[in-house]
Amino acid sequence: MQKIPATVITGFLGAGKTTLIRNLLQNAGSRRIALVINEFGDLGVDGDILKGCGVETCREEDVVELTNGCICCTVADDFIPTMEKLLERADRLDHIVIETSGLALPQPLVAAFNWPEVKARVTVDGVVTVIDAAAVAAGRFADDEAKVQAAREADESLDHDNPLEELFEDQIRAADLLVLNKADLVDAATLSDVRAKVEAEAGRRLAVVSAENGRLPADVLLGLKAGTEDLIGERRSHHEIHHADGHAHDHEDFESFVADGGEVASIETLTEALRAIIAGHDILRLKGFAAIQGKPMRLVVQAVGQRIETYFDRPFAPGEARETRLVVIGLHDAIEDGEAAIRDAVRALGESPRAAAE
């Protein structure tokens, strides 16, 4: 029996993975595609957005959400059983697309395709790594060596390794295709510089394409025929290199929680308040849904740094609570220290029905 191809879509927080997948589904033609969506945090934002895609390839039964933690850490408990269920379906799938958490190491997930239960029936068509070109151009993932050295000299007991930089590098190293997304936010010369940087991080030649708002033809993303499960051993992550003894990977550097609020007066009020919250607490990523007074539709909120994107995706269902729920993701120390203040600030945007009931 011909193996079912699977595409792993990875990339840092806010790079545009969900938007790229949404566009892929809308242009997939007659392909029967199943999605496995893994998120960092308990609120399934990405899966909910994709279920509301509005086309046949976005059927709710085709979307599997894994919110128990990072998929690269729960391969045996979550990923393998999920794949087995998909393979047991009566209607044979044409393709499987897996969106990893923005904090995931792709390497352990791809290696899991070598498990006998999976390898006989599925092959990794390719690993697609989505890069936020504007963020890279702004130096968001670049280490300041002089600053780190000065801090080390001031306190030698501190560990100043940059987990964001390592994640960025590892997701590039695993790739078969790099997508420089949000290319419209930088000029041609800057985009060329970003391309050179990510190619250098990869350490080998691989395909690189640019995209605006995740728009690429389905045939660019699917049909790579890379067989990456047989190649991933040569693309080891920082963690695998530094912990060859099998030390378990974890995400103690990061923290997430859900902040609840009620209806907000306007989109402008919401974005202005969120920019202040993000700046005040060094939040890496913020995403979720909001209710705007007088608007019958739910507002999707996506924020990376000070860049906030919003759009209405669907009407509120009858009986559905009109509230604001946001996943907040950041470095552990900053988020842990500011969690109460962040929750209060989101709640102040409008009293949450959920909070009022409590």
Protein backbone atom coordinates (compact mmCIF):
# COMPACT_ATOMS: atom_id res chain seq x y z
CA MET A 1 0.00 0.00 0.00
CA GLN A 2 1.31 3.46 -0.90
CA LYS A 3 2.35 5.46 2.15
CA ILE A 4 0.32 8.52 3.13
CA PRO A 5 2.48 11.68 2.94
CA ALA A 6 2.64 13.89 6.03
CA THR A 7 3.85 17.48 6.16
CA VAL A 8 5.18 18.93 9.42
CA ILE A 9 4.73 22.70 9.62
CA THR A 10 6.85 24.31 12.27
CA GLY A 11 8.08 27.80 13.08
CA PHE A 12 8.47 30.19 15.96
CA LEU A 13 5.60 31.84 17.80
CA GLY A 14 3.60 34.13 15.54
CA ALA A 15 5.41 33.25 12.31
CA GLY A 16 2.09 32.63 10.57
CA LYS A 17 1.75 28.83 10.57
CA THR A 18 -2.02 28.77 11.09
CA THR A 19 -2.64 31.37 8.40
CA LEU A 20 -0.48 29.40 5.97
CA ILE A 21 -2.42 26.20 6.74
CA ARG A 22 -5.76 27.99 6.38
CA ASN A 23 -4.73 29.20 2.92
CA LEU A 24 -3.45 25.71 2.07
CA LEU A 25 -6.80 24.14 2.92
CA GLN A 26 -8.71 26.69 0.91
CA ASN A 27 -6.60 25.83 -2.15
CA ALA A 28 -6.17 22.08 -1.64
CA GLY A 29 -8.57 21.12 -4.41
CA SER A 30 -9.98 17.63 -3.95
CA ARG A 31 -7.27 16.45 -1.54
CA ARG A 32 -8.60 14.86 1.66
CA ILE A 33 -6.35 16.36 4.34
CA ALA A 34 -6.34 15.65 8.09
CA LEU A 35 -4.84 18.19 10.49
CA VAL A 36 -3.07 17.60 13.78
CA ILE A 37 -2.80 20.89 15.66
CA ASN A 38 -0.51 21.19 18.69
CA GLU A 39 -0.59 24.35 20.80
CA PHE A 40 1.34 25.66 23.78
CA GLY A 41 -1.41 26.54 26.23
CA ASP A 42 -4.81 25.15 27.16
CA LEU A 43 -6.98 27.24 24.82
CA GLY A 44 -7.17 25.72 21.32
CA VAL A 45 -7.04 28.91 19.26
CA ASP A 46 -5.46 27.57 16.06
CA GLY A 47 -7.73 24.53 15.80
CA ASP A 48 -10.81 26.68 16.35
CA ILE A 49 -9.72 29.07 13.58
CA LEU A 50 -9.12 26.21 11.14
CA LYS A 51 -12.43 24.51 11.91
CA GLY A 52 -14.12 27.72 10.84
CA CYS A 53 -12.35 27.76 7.49
CA GLY A 54 -15.65 27.43 5.63
CA VAL A 55 -14.63 24.91 2.95
CA GLU A 56 -14.97 21.15 2.63
CA THR A 57 -11.32 20.55 3.51
CA CYS A 58 -11.87 22.16 6.94
CA ARG A 59 -14.38 19.63 8.26
CA GLU A 60 -14.39 19.46 12.05
CA GLU A 61 -13.77 15.69 11.99
CA ASP A 62 -10.56 16.30 10.02
CA VAL A 63 -9.01 18.45 12.77
CA VAL A 64 -7.33 16.85 15.80
CA GLU A 65 -6.20 19.19 18.58
CA LEU A 66 -3.46 18.27 21.05
CA THR A 67 -3.27 20.75 23.94
CA ASN A 68 -1.71 18.47 26.58
CA GLY A 69 1.71 19.98 26.07
CA CYS A 70 4.40 20.17 23.44
CA ILE A 71 4.02 17.35 20.93
CA CYS A 72 7.77 16.79 20.83
CA CYS A 73 7.63 15.87 24.53
CA THR A 74 4.54 13.65 24.36
CA VAL A 75 5.25 11.54 21.26
CA ALA A 76 4.34 8.21 22.85
CA ASP A 77 1.31 9.48 24.79
CA ASP A 78 -0.27 11.78 22.20
CA PHE A 79 1.24 11.68 18.73
CA ILE A 80 1.47 7.93 18.09
CA PRO A 81 -2.13 7.20 19.27
CA THR A 82 -3.38 10.14 17.18
CA MET A 83 -1.65 8.85 14.07
CA GLU A 84 -3.01 5.35 14.63
CA LYS A 85 -6.58 6.71 14.84
CA LEU A 86 -6.13 8.69 11.62
CA LEU A 87 -4.79 5.62 9.83
CA GLU A 88 -7.78 3.54 10.97
CA ARG A 89 -10.29 5.87 9.29
CA ALA A 90 -12.56 4.27 6.71
CA ASP A 91 -11.99 7.13 4.25
CA ARG A 92 -8.35 7.02 3.19
CA LEU A 93 -6.51 10.29 3.61
CA ASP A 94 -4.55 11.91 0.81
CA HIS A 95 -2.33 13.90 3.17
CA ILE A 96 -1.73 14.66 6.84
CA VAL A 97 -0.62 18.12 7.97
CA ILE A 98 0.83 18.58 11.46
CA GLU A 99 1.20 22.06 12.94
CA THR A 100 3.62 22.03 15.85
CA SER A 101 3.62 24.40 18.77
CA GLY A 102 5.80 27.46 18.23
CA LEU A 103 8.00 26.15 21.04
CA ALA A 104 8.46 22.64 19.65
CA LEU A 105 11.64 20.95 18.52
CA PRO A 106 10.74 19.35 15.16
CA GLN A 107 13.43 16.67 15.40
CA PRO A 108 11.79 14.33 17.98
CA LEU A 109 8.46 14.53 16.17
CA VAL A 110 9.96 13.67 12.78
CA ALA A 111 11.98 10.84 14.34
CA ALA A 112 8.71 9.39 15.67
CA PHE A 113 7.70 8.58 12.09
CA ASN A 114 10.27 5.78 12.31
CA TRP A 115 8.11 3.96 14.88
CA PRO A 116 7.04 0.66 13.26
CA GLU A 117 3.32 1.44 13.75
CA VAL A 118 3.70 4.59 11.66
CA LYS A 119 6.64 4.02 9.30
CA ALA A 120 4.93 1.20 7.40
CA ARG A 121 2.03 3.48 6.40
CA VAL A 122 3.20 7.13 6.54
CA THR A 123 6.21 9.06 5.24
CA VAL A 124 7.27 12.63 6.02
CA ASP A 125 6.71 14.45 2.75
CA GLY A 126 8.62 17.40 4.18
CA VAL A 127 9.25 19.73 7.10
CA VAL A 128 8.12 23.27 6.30
CA THR A 129 9.55 25.93 8.61
CA VAL A 130 7.75 29.27 8.61
CA ILE A 131 9.90 32.30 9.41
CA ASP A 132 8.64 35.75 10.39
CA ALA A 133 10.84 37.76 8.02
CA ALA A 134 10.03 41.09 9.67
CA ALA A 135 10.92 39.80 13.13
CA VAL A 136 14.22 38.36 11.95
CA ALA A 137 15.03 41.60 10.17
CA ALA A 138 14.46 43.42 13.46
CA GLY A 139 17.01 41.14 15.16
CA ARG A 140 14.50 39.53 17.49
CA PHE A 141 16.39 36.21 17.54
CA ALA A 142 19.94 37.52 17.41
CA ASP A 143 22.19 37.29 20.45
CA ASP A 144 24.05 40.41 21.64
CA GLU A 145 27.39 38.80 22.46
CA ALA A 146 28.85 41.86 24.15
CA LYS A 147 25.82 42.24 26.41
CA VAL A 148 25.82 38.56 27.33
CA GLN A 149 29.52 38.65 28.13
CA ALA A 150 29.10 41.71 30.33
CA ALA A 151 26.29 40.01 32.23
CA ARG A 152 28.35 36.85 32.67
CA GLU A 153 31.20 38.86 34.12
CA ALA A 154 28.79 40.55 36.53
CA ASP A 155 27.33 37.24 37.75
CA GLU A 156 29.08 34.05 36.68
CA SER A 157 26.38 31.92 38.32
CA LEU A 158 23.79 32.94 35.73
CA ASP A 159 23.06 30.92 32.61
CA HIS A 160 22.52 33.37 29.76
CA ASP A 161 21.89 30.92 26.92
CA ASN A 162 19.13 32.26 24.71
CA PRO A 163 16.36 29.62 24.36
CA LEU A 164 14.62 31.62 21.65
CA GLU A 165 17.72 31.64 19.48
CA GLU A 166 18.20 27.90 19.89
CA LEU A 167 14.58 27.15 19.01
CA PHE A 168 14.86 29.36 15.95
CA GLU A 169 18.01 27.56 14.80
CA ASP A 170 16.63 24.08 15.48
CA GLN A 171 13.45 24.71 13.51
CA ILE A 172 15.53 25.88 10.57
CA ARG A 173 17.92 22.93 10.81
CA ALA A 174 15.03 20.47 10.54
CA ALA A 175 13.53 22.07 7.42
CA ASP A 176 13.13 20.80 3.88
CA LEU A 177 11.47 24.06 2.85
CA LEU A 178 11.80 27.50 4.45
CA VAL A 179 8.95 30.00 4.06
CA LEU A 180 9.93 33.63 4.65
CA ASN A 181 6.49 34.85 5.63
CA LYS A 182 5.32 38.48 6.03
CA ALA A 183 7.67 39.41 3.20
CA ASP A 184 5.47 42.43 2.46
CA LEU A 185 6.60 44.03 5.73
CA VAL A 186 10.24 44.41 4.60
CA ASP A 187 11.91 45.76 1.46
CA ALA A 188 13.70 43.59 -1.10
CA ALA A 189 17.20 44.23 0.25
CA THR A 190 16.16 43.38 3.82
CA LEU A 191 14.40 40.22 2.64
CA SER A 192 17.59 39.17 0.88
CA ASP A 193 19.53 39.68 4.13
CA VAL A 194 17.01 37.58 6.05
CA ARG A 195 17.28 34.84 3.45
CA ALA A 196 21.07 34.80 3.77
CA LYS A 197 20.79 34.57 7.56
CA VAL A 198 18.41 31.61 7.61
CA GLU A 199 20.34 29.78 4.90
CA ALA A 200 23.47 30.15 7.02
CA GLU A 201 21.64 28.75 10.05
CA ALA A 202 20.53 25.72 8.04
CA GLY A 203 24.12 24.81 7.21
CA ARG A 204 23.06 23.20 3.92
CA ARG A 205 21.26 24.05 0.72
CA LEU A 206 17.48 23.87 0.86
CA ALA A 207 14.52 25.48 -0.84
CA VAL A 208 13.52 28.96 0.35
CA VAL A 209 10.37 30.79 -0.75
CA SER A 210 8.80 34.06 0.39
CA ALA A 211 5.13 34.65 1.14
CA GLU A 212 2.73 37.42 2.10
CA ASN A 213 0.14 36.50 4.74
CA GLY A 214 0.88 32.80 4.28
CA ARG A 215 -0.33 32.71 0.67
CA LEU A 216 1.39 29.96 -1.33
CA PRO A 217 0.06 27.40 -3.84
CA ALA A 218 -0.70 24.02 -2.28
CA ASP A 219 1.69 22.35 -4.73
CA VAL A 220 4.58 24.39 -3.30
CA LEU A 221 3.99 23.05 0.22
CA LEU A 222 2.87 19.52 -0.60
CA GLY A 223 4.62 16.92 -2.74
CA LEU A 224 8.21 17.54 -1.61
CA LYS A 225 8.76 13.76 -1.27
CA ALA A 226 11.68 14.33 1.09
CA GLY A 227 11.32 11.21 3.26
CA THR A 228 12.60 13.32 6.15
CA GLU A 229 12.23 10.53 8.73
CA ASP A 230 15.30 8.93 7.13
CA LEU A 231 17.27 12.21 7.19
CA ILE A 232 16.43 13.73 10.56
CA GLY A 233 19.32 12.00 12.35
CA GLU A 234 21.67 14.32 10.44
CA ARG A 235 19.76 17.43 11.58
CA ARG A 236 20.19 17.18 15.34
CA SER A 237 18.86 19.92 17.60
CA HIS A 238 20.90 21.85 20.16
CA HIS A 239 19.26 19.75 22.83
CA GLU A 240 20.26 16.47 21.19
CA ILE A 241 23.82 17.72 20.78
CA HIS A 242 24.12 18.97 24.37
CA HIS A 243 22.22 16.09 26.00
CA ALA A 244 23.39 12.98 24.20
CA ASP A 245 22.67 11.05 27.42
CA GLY A 246 18.93 11.24 26.66
CA HIS A 247 18.10 14.02 29.14
CA ALA A 248 14.42 14.91 28.70
CA HIS A 249 13.58 18.07 26.76
CA ASP A 250 11.27 20.49 28.54
CA HIS A 251 9.94 24.01 28.26
CA GLU A 252 10.74 25.39 31.68
CA ASP A 253 12.04 28.55 30.00
CA PHE A 254 8.48 29.38 28.89
CA GLU A 255 5.13 29.89 30.57
CA SER A 256 1.58 30.34 29.32
CA PHE A 257 -1.86 31.00 30.77
CA VAL A 258 -5.31 32.13 29.61
CA ALA A 259 -6.54 35.61 30.59
CA ASP A 260 -10.30 36.27 30.52
CA GLY A 261 -12.19 39.48 29.97
CA GLY A 262 -15.58 40.64 28.75
CA GLU A 263 -16.82 42.70 25.83
CA VAL A 264 -14.46 45.47 24.74
CA ALA A 265 -15.69 48.89 23.60
CA SER A 266 -13.82 48.86 20.27
CA ILE A 267 -10.98 47.23 18.37
CA GLU A 268 -8.91 50.38 18.89
CA THR A 269 -9.43 50.17 22.67
CA LEU A 270 -8.40 46.53 22.63
CA THR A 271 -5.23 46.94 20.55
CA GLU A 272 -4.08 50.01 22.49
CA ALA A 273 -4.50 48.18 25.80
CA LEU A 274 -2.78 45.03 24.52
CA ARG A 275 0.24 46.98 23.28
CA ALA A 276 0.66 48.43 26.76
CA ILE A 277 0.30 45.00 28.38
CA ILE A 278 2.79 43.40 25.96
CA ALA A 279 5.35 46.16 26.43
CA GLY A 280 5.00 46.18 30.19
CA HIS A 281 5.51 42.43 30.64
CA ASP A 282 7.75 41.45 27.68
CA ILE A 283 5.12 39.06 26.28
CA LEU A 284 6.38 37.02 23.32
CA ARG A 285 3.05 35.92 21.88
CA LEU A 286 -0.60 36.65 22.53
CA LYS A 287 -3.51 35.06 20.69
CA GLY A 288 -7.17 34.32 21.19
CA PHE A 289 -10.64 35.73 20.68
CA ALA A 290 -12.45 38.90 21.72
CA ALA A 291 -16.00 40.23 21.80
CA ILE A 292 -16.48 43.81 20.58
CA GLN A 293 -19.53 45.74 21.76
CA GLY A 294 -22.18 46.02 19.06
CA LYS A 295 -20.47 43.50 16.76
CA PRO A 296 -22.22 40.17 16.11
CA MET A 297 -19.01 38.37 15.10
CA ARG A 298 -16.06 37.00 17.09
CA LEU A 299 -12.75 38.85 16.72
CA VAL A 300 -9.56 36.81 16.26
CA VAL A 301 -6.52 38.39 17.94
CA GLN A 302 -2.94 37.53 16.98
CA ALA A 303 0.01 39.46 18.45
CA VAL A 304 3.77 39.12 18.14
CA GLY A 305 5.59 41.81 20.03
CA GLN A 306 3.94 45.15 19.24
CA ARG A 307 2.49 43.88 15.95
CA ILE A 308 -1.21 43.05 16.52
CA GLU A 309 -3.49 41.60 13.84
CA THR A 310 -7.26 41.25 14.20
CA TYR A 311 -10.13 40.06 12.02
CA PHE A 312 -13.71 38.86 12.48
CA ASP A 313 -13.95 35.14 11.67
CA ARG A 314 -17.53 34.03 12.45
CA PRO A 315 -20.77 35.07 14.16
CA PHE A 316 -21.21 34.18 17.82
CA ALA A 317 -23.31 31.03 18.13
CA PRO A 318 -26.66 31.17 19.96
CA GLY A 319 -25.96 30.95 23.68
CA GLU A 320 -22.19 31.38 23.22
CA ALA A 321 -20.61 33.67 25.81
CA ARG A 322 -19.55 37.06 24.48
CA GLU A 323 -16.20 37.26 26.16
CA THR A 324 -12.52 37.84 25.53
CA ARG A 325 -10.10 34.92 26.07
CA LEU A 326 -6.40 35.33 25.31
CA VAL A 327 -3.47 32.92 25.56
CA VAL A 328 -0.40 34.72 26.93
CA ILE A 329 3.04 33.20 26.24
CA GLY A 330 6.40 34.48 27.43
CA LEU A 331 9.63 33.65 29.20
CA HIS A 332 8.95 31.97 32.52
CA ASP A 333 10.30 34.59 34.93
CA ALA A 334 8.71 37.58 33.22
CA ILE A 335 5.31 35.92 32.83
CA GLU A 336 5.23 34.34 36.29
CA ASP A 337 6.03 37.66 37.97
CA GLY A 338 3.46 39.58 35.94
CA GLU A 339 0.63 37.05 35.63
CA ALA A 340 -1.69 38.67 38.18
CA ALA A 341 -1.21 42.13 36.67
CA ILE A 342 -1.78 40.81 33.14
CA ARG A 343 -4.98 39.04 34.19
CA ASP A 344 -6.23 42.21 35.90
CA ALA A 345 -5.43 44.33 32.83
CA VAL A 346 -7.32 41.99 30.47
CA ARG A 347 -10.25 41.76 32.89
CA ALA A 348 -10.37 45.56 33.07
CA LEU A 349 -11.19 45.66 29.36
CA GLY A 350 -14.66 44.40 30.25
CA GLU A 351 -16.03 42.16 32.99
CA SER A 352 -15.79 38.52 31.91
CA PRO A 353 -18.96 36.43 32.30
CA ARG A 354 -16.68 33.56 33.30
CA ALA A 355 -14.94 35.66 35.98
CA ALA A 356 -18.24 37.05 37.24
CA ALA A 357 -19.61 33.53 37.67
CA GLU A 358 -16.58 32.60 39.74
